[in-house]
Protein backbone atom coordinates (compact mmCIF):
# COMPACT_ATOMS: atom_id res chain seq x y z
CA MET A 1 -65.88 26.94 32.59
CA GLU A 2 -64.13 27.54 29.87
CA ILE A 3 -60.27 26.16 31.58
CA LYS A 4 -61.83 23.40 32.74
CA SER A 5 -62.96 22.22 29.25
CA LEU A 6 -60.05 22.80 27.80
CA ARG A 7 -58.52 20.72 30.38
CA SER A 8 -61.50 17.87 30.08
CA VAL A 9 -60.25 18.22 25.96
CA LEU A 10 -56.47 17.74 26.38
CA ILE A 11 -56.96 15.13 29.10
CA ILE A 12 -59.55 13.22 26.15
CA LEU A 13 -56.53 13.91 23.56
CA LEU A 14 -54.11 12.28 25.17
CA PHE A 15 -55.93 9.00 26.28
CA LEU A 16 -57.12 8.78 22.45
CA VAL A 17 -53.25 9.18 20.96
CA GLY A 18 -52.09 6.87 23.59
CA PHE A 19 -54.55 3.94 22.88
CA GLN A 20 -53.53 4.40 19.78
CA GLN A 21 -49.56 4.07 20.00
CA LEU A 22 -50.22 1.28 22.27
CA GLY A 23 -52.66 -0.37 19.01
CA ASN A 24 -49.62 0.42 16.98
CA CYS A 25 -46.97 -1.46 19.26
CA GLN A 26 -46.47 -5.48 19.45
CA LEU A 27 -46.64 -6.45 22.38
CA PHE A 28 -44.32 -9.76 23.40
CA PHE A 29 -45.90 -12.21 26.03
CA PRO A 30 -43.38 -15.07 27.51
CA GLU A 31 -46.32 -17.07 26.91
CA ASP A 32 -45.84 -16.96 23.08
CA MET A 33 -42.19 -17.55 23.39
CA VAL A 34 -41.74 -20.54 20.70
CA ASN A 35 -38.47 -22.52 20.54
CA VAL A 36 -36.87 -22.01 17.33
CA LYS A 37 -34.11 -25.21 15.90
CA GLY A 38 -31.65 -24.76 12.59
CA GLN A 39 -29.10 -25.11 11.13
CA VAL A 40 -26.23 -22.66 9.81
CA ILE A 41 -24.70 -23.62 6.65
CA ASP A 42 -21.71 -22.21 3.78
CA GLU A 43 -23.34 -20.78 1.09
CA VAL A 44 -21.10 -22.22 -0.81
CA THR A 45 -19.78 -25.74 0.57
CA LYS A 46 -23.04 -26.79 1.88
CA GLU A 47 -21.41 -27.30 4.97
CA GLY A 48 -22.17 -26.46 8.76
CA VAL A 49 -20.78 -23.17 9.83
CA GLY A 50 -19.65 -24.06 13.84
CA TYR A 51 -19.88 -21.45 16.55
CA ALA A 52 -21.73 -19.09 14.26
CA GLN A 53 -23.35 -16.15 16.28
CA VAL A 54 -27.66 -16.25 16.31
CA LEU A 55 -28.63 -13.07 17.86
CA ASN A 56 -32.24 -11.50 18.67
CA MET A 57 -31.64 -7.65 18.80
CA ARG A 58 -35.15 -7.10 20.21
CA ILE A 59 -34.09 -8.98 23.58
CA ARG A 60 -30.34 -8.20 22.87
CA GLY A 61 -29.48 -11.97 23.58
CA GLY A 62 -28.76 -14.63 21.57
CA THR A 63 -26.82 -18.42 21.28
CA MET A 64 -24.08 -19.92 19.20
CA THR A 65 -23.92 -22.86 17.11
CA ASP A 66 -22.25 -26.14 17.52
CA ALA A 67 -19.46 -27.82 15.79
CA ASN A 68 -22.25 -28.37 12.98
CA GLY A 69 -23.44 -25.28 12.60
CA LYS A 70 -27.44 -26.34 14.59
CA PHE A 71 -28.66 -24.02 17.05
CA SER A 72 -31.67 -23.80 19.37
CA ILE A 73 -33.19 -20.51 20.90
CA GLN A 74 -36.54 -19.13 22.32
CA ALA A 75 -37.38 -16.48 20.14
CA ASP A 76 -40.91 -14.66 20.01
CA PRO A 77 -42.81 -15.65 16.06
CA MET A 78 -42.91 -11.61 15.87
CA ASP A 79 -38.86 -11.94 16.26
CA THR A 80 -36.33 -11.47 13.36
CA LEU A 81 -32.94 -13.55 13.99
CA THR A 82 -29.07 -11.80 12.71
CA PHE A 83 -26.38 -14.42 12.20
CA LYS A 84 -23.14 -13.64 12.14
CA SER A 85 -19.89 -15.56 11.76
CA LEU A 86 -16.52 -14.32 10.41
CA ASN A 87 -15.56 -13.84 7.33
CA TYR A 88 -19.19 -14.64 6.09
CA LYS A 89 -21.89 -11.57 5.61
CA ASP A 90 -24.38 -10.58 8.30
CA LYS A 91 -27.94 -12.37 7.40
CA ARG A 92 -30.92 -11.39 9.26
CA VAL A 93 -34.07 -14.10 8.78
CA PRO A 94 -37.82 -14.16 10.48
CA VAL A 95 -38.22 -16.52 13.18
CA SER A 96 -41.66 -16.97 11.52
CA ALA A 97 -39.15 -18.61 8.46
CA ILE A 98 -37.49 -20.42 10.40
CA PHE A 99 -40.26 -21.97 12.80
CA ASN A 100 -43.26 -22.71 9.92
CA ASN A 101 -40.80 -24.84 8.29
CA GLU A 102 -42.59 -28.05 7.76
CA ASN A 103 -39.60 -30.05 5.99
CA GLY A 104 -37.84 -30.41 9.14
CA LEU A 105 -34.64 -28.79 10.38
CA THR A 106 -34.24 -25.33 8.34
CA LYS A 107 -30.97 -24.56 7.27
CA ILE A 108 -29.92 -21.13 7.06
CA ALA A 109 -27.27 -20.47 4.42
CA ILE A 110 -24.73 -17.49 4.99
CA SER A 111 -22.07 -16.35 2.26
CA PRO A 112 -18.87 -16.10 2.58
CA ILE A 113 -16.77 -13.09 1.85
CA ARG A 114 -14.48 -13.36 -1.27
CA ILE A 115 -11.17 -10.65 -1.45
CA LEU A 116 -9.32 -10.36 -4.29
CA LEU A 117 -5.52 -9.93 -3.28
CA ASN A 118 -3.15 -8.08 -5.72
CA GLN A 119 -0.45 -11.15 -6.71
CA VAL A 120 2.59 -10.60 -4.41
CA GLU A 121 6.43 -11.47 -5.14
CA VAL A 122 8.23 -12.65 -2.08
CA GLU A 123 11.97 -13.19 -2.49
CA GLY A 124 14.35 -13.89 0.20
CA THR A 125 17.54 -12.22 1.10
CA GLY A 126 19.85 -15.38 2.06
CA PRO A 127 21.93 -17.10 -1.33
CA LYS A 128 19.60 -19.12 -3.26
CA VAL A 129 20.04 -23.12 -2.88
CA ASN A 130 19.53 -25.34 -6.17
CA MET A 131 17.90 -28.66 -5.92
CA ASN A 132 21.30 -30.41 -4.91
CA GLY A 133 21.42 -28.28 -1.46
CA ILE A 134 24.45 -26.45 -2.81
CA PRO A 135 23.80 -22.42 -2.49
CA VAL A 136 24.53 -20.74 -5.03
CA GLY A 137 26.49 -17.24 -4.93
CA LYS A 138 24.60 -13.51 -5.55
CA THR A 139 24.43 -12.29 -8.71
CA PRO A 140 26.58 -9.82 -9.82
CA ALA A 141 25.49 -6.17 -10.41
CA VAL A 142 26.94 -5.49 -13.68
CA PRO A 143 24.98 -7.35 -16.71
CA SER A 144 25.93 -10.26 -18.05
CA GLU A 145 26.20 -8.24 -21.59
CA LEU A 146 28.53 -5.79 -20.34
CA ARG A 147 30.64 -7.64 -18.61
CA SER A 148 34.34 -8.33 -19.37
CA ASP A 149 35.19 -11.62 -21.23
CA TYR A 150 38.92 -11.72 -19.23
CA PHE A 151 38.71 -10.67 -16.01
CA ALA A 152 35.80 -9.79 -13.58
CA SER A 153 37.29 -6.18 -12.71
CA LYS A 154 40.15 -3.76 -13.73
CA PRO A 155 43.32 -5.98 -13.81
CA LYS A 156 46.36 -4.78 -11.84
CA THR A 157 49.94 -3.98 -13.50
CA LEU A 158 51.26 -6.99 -12.33
CA THR A 159 48.80 -8.28 -14.54
CA ALA A 160 50.74 -7.47 -17.38
CA LEU A 161 52.98 -10.42 -16.92
CA THR A 162 50.69 -13.96 -15.29
CA LYS A 163 48.42 -13.18 -18.82
CA PRO A 164 49.98 -10.57 -21.26
CA LEU A 165 47.61 -11.51 -23.60
CA SER A 166 43.96 -10.81 -21.73
CA PHE A 167 45.45 -7.60 -20.28
CA ILE A 168 46.03 -6.41 -23.71
CA SER A 169 42.95 -7.55 -24.78
CA TYR A 170 41.64 -6.27 -22.16
CA TYR A 171 42.75 -2.08 -23.00
CA THR A 172 42.66 -2.76 -26.80
CA SER A 173 39.60 -4.97 -27.77
CA LYS A 174 36.83 -2.39 -29.28
CA ASP A 175 33.86 -4.35 -27.62
CA GLU A 176 35.72 -4.38 -24.26
CA LYS A 177 36.27 -0.39 -24.30
CA GLU A 178 32.55 0.07 -25.67
CA LYS A 179 31.26 -2.09 -22.25
CA ARG A 180 33.48 -0.06 -19.94
CA ALA A 181 32.76 2.83 -21.70
CA THR A 182 28.88 2.29 -21.01
CA LEU A 183 28.78 1.18 -17.39
CA SER A 184 31.05 4.56 -17.07
CA ALA A 185 27.92 6.74 -18.52
CA ILE A 186 25.49 4.36 -16.27
CA HIS A 187 27.62 4.87 -12.76
CA SER A 188 27.73 8.40 -13.86
CA GLU A 189 24.17 8.81 -14.63
CA LYS A 190 23.26 7.28 -10.83
CA GLU A 191 25.64 10.13 -9.47
CA TRP A 192 24.34 13.26 -11.31
CA GLN A 193 20.60 11.75 -9.96
CA ILE A 194 22.29 11.90 -5.84
CA LEU A 195 23.84 15.40 -6.63
CA SER A 196 21.05 16.75 -8.85
CA LEU A 197 18.96 16.69 -5.19
CA VAL A 198 21.18 19.49 -3.69
CA TYR A 199 22.81 20.81 -7.08
CA ASN A 200 19.98 21.65 -10.16
CA LYS A 201 19.07 25.05 -11.89
CA ASP A 202 16.83 26.28 -8.99
CA VAL A 203 19.78 26.46 -6.48
CA ILE A 204 21.99 28.14 -9.08
CA GLN A 205 19.27 30.65 -9.68
CA LYS A 206 18.93 31.86 -6.34
CA VAL A 207 22.48 32.10 -5.50
CA SER A 208 22.98 34.06 -8.87
CA GLY A 209 20.37 35.76 -8.93
CA PHE A 210 20.64 34.94 -12.88
CA GLN A 211 17.37 34.73 -15.00
CA GLY A 212 17.37 33.83 -18.73
CA ASP A 213 20.31 33.75 -21.10
CA ALA A 214 22.59 34.81 -17.94
CA LEU A 215 21.29 32.13 -15.71
CA GLU A 216 21.47 29.42 -18.69
CA ASP A 217 25.48 30.64 -19.37
CA PHE A 218 26.45 30.74 -16.03
CA MET A 219 24.67 27.11 -15.27
CA LEU A 220 27.27 25.72 -17.88
CA TYR A 221 29.98 27.66 -16.61
CA CYS A 222 29.06 25.64 -13.17
CA ASN A 223 28.62 22.45 -14.70
CA ALA A 224 32.14 23.07 -16.20
CA PHE A 225 33.76 23.42 -13.09
CA ASN A 226 31.59 22.76 -9.86
CA GLY A 227 34.33 19.80 -8.90
CA LEU A 228 31.41 18.91 -6.52
CA PRO A 229 31.36 15.33 -5.05
CA ILE A 230 28.37 13.48 -5.22
CA ASN A 231 27.47 13.74 -1.69
CA ALA A 232 27.78 17.06 -1.36
CA SER A 233 25.89 18.70 1.00
CA THR A 234 23.42 21.86 0.29
CA TYR A 235 26.25 24.09 2.25
CA GLN A 236 29.01 22.95 -0.10
CA VAL A 237 27.11 23.29 -3.05
CA GLU A 238 26.04 26.73 -2.23
CA LYS A 239 29.62 28.15 -1.20
CA ARG A 240 30.77 26.39 -4.36
CA ILE A 241 28.50 28.14 -6.63
CA LYS A 242 29.27 31.60 -4.83
CA GLU A 243 32.90 31.23 -5.54
CA LEU A 244 32.39 30.65 -9.46
CA LEU A 245 30.00 33.47 -9.62
CA VAL A 246 32.94 35.65 -8.26
CA GLU A 247 35.03 33.72 -11.27
CA TYR A 248 32.54 33.90 -13.83
CA ILE A 249 32.33 37.76 -13.28
CA ASP A 250 35.59 38.14 -13.08
CA LYS A 251 36.15 36.80 -16.32
CA LYS A 252 33.21 38.21 -17.72
CA SER A 253 34.19 42.08 -17.44
CA LYS A 254 37.72 40.95 -18.84
CA GLU A 255 35.99 39.46 -21.96
CA LYS A 256 34.33 42.80 -22.15
CA LEU A 257 37.25 45.13 -21.52
CA PRO A 258 38.90 46.40 -24.59
CA LYS A 259 42.45 45.21 -25.92
CA LEU A 260 45.11 47.23 -25.29
């Protein structure tokens, strides 16, 4: 009897739970469906948004607005419609808010997505053209303040015969000498930046094994006599440092020997 009573209690509890869940659920019937009409518009311009999606997620269906943003769809009064369109934020609106509008055609305003782009400067690779349609040559690599007043490049020896005064001024003028010295320093700096990728203090320390003052002294010796091209490879650099290391050690040993 106890087992039968327990079964009866369980069956009653299951029925009660089922009725409670049924009471909490919203039932939808075809006869409750209503025809929902409206127009999707841009929140800023107030113009219709054509070909936007009007979705009813409950039934996994929907429709699309016409070219003027107008739509018509069957839905239950308890449903919620989702409006989607490219470059606009999604918007969800209850059917009751659309269907119960007594002011005529309901307008659903959706917000455009605004994306702030950084300023971009575009330059062409071809020769520039002025307003008259005449191509403009490329700007010289040498800054205007460092260009020679006489020649675009180093003059040849024969130029001394054709333009003697300009030739002399090119080599004797103080301003011309300063311009060439500045350009030489700029070129040397660029070359050093390229060479320093494979030739630097860490590489010298790795090859020589020196540290502290000994490393600093040997590095000065290498910088004075390395003779490396700017496009030297890692192998060339290490080989040259080893050669200089032999010379350096020999030189230091001779300096320590007592004079006879």
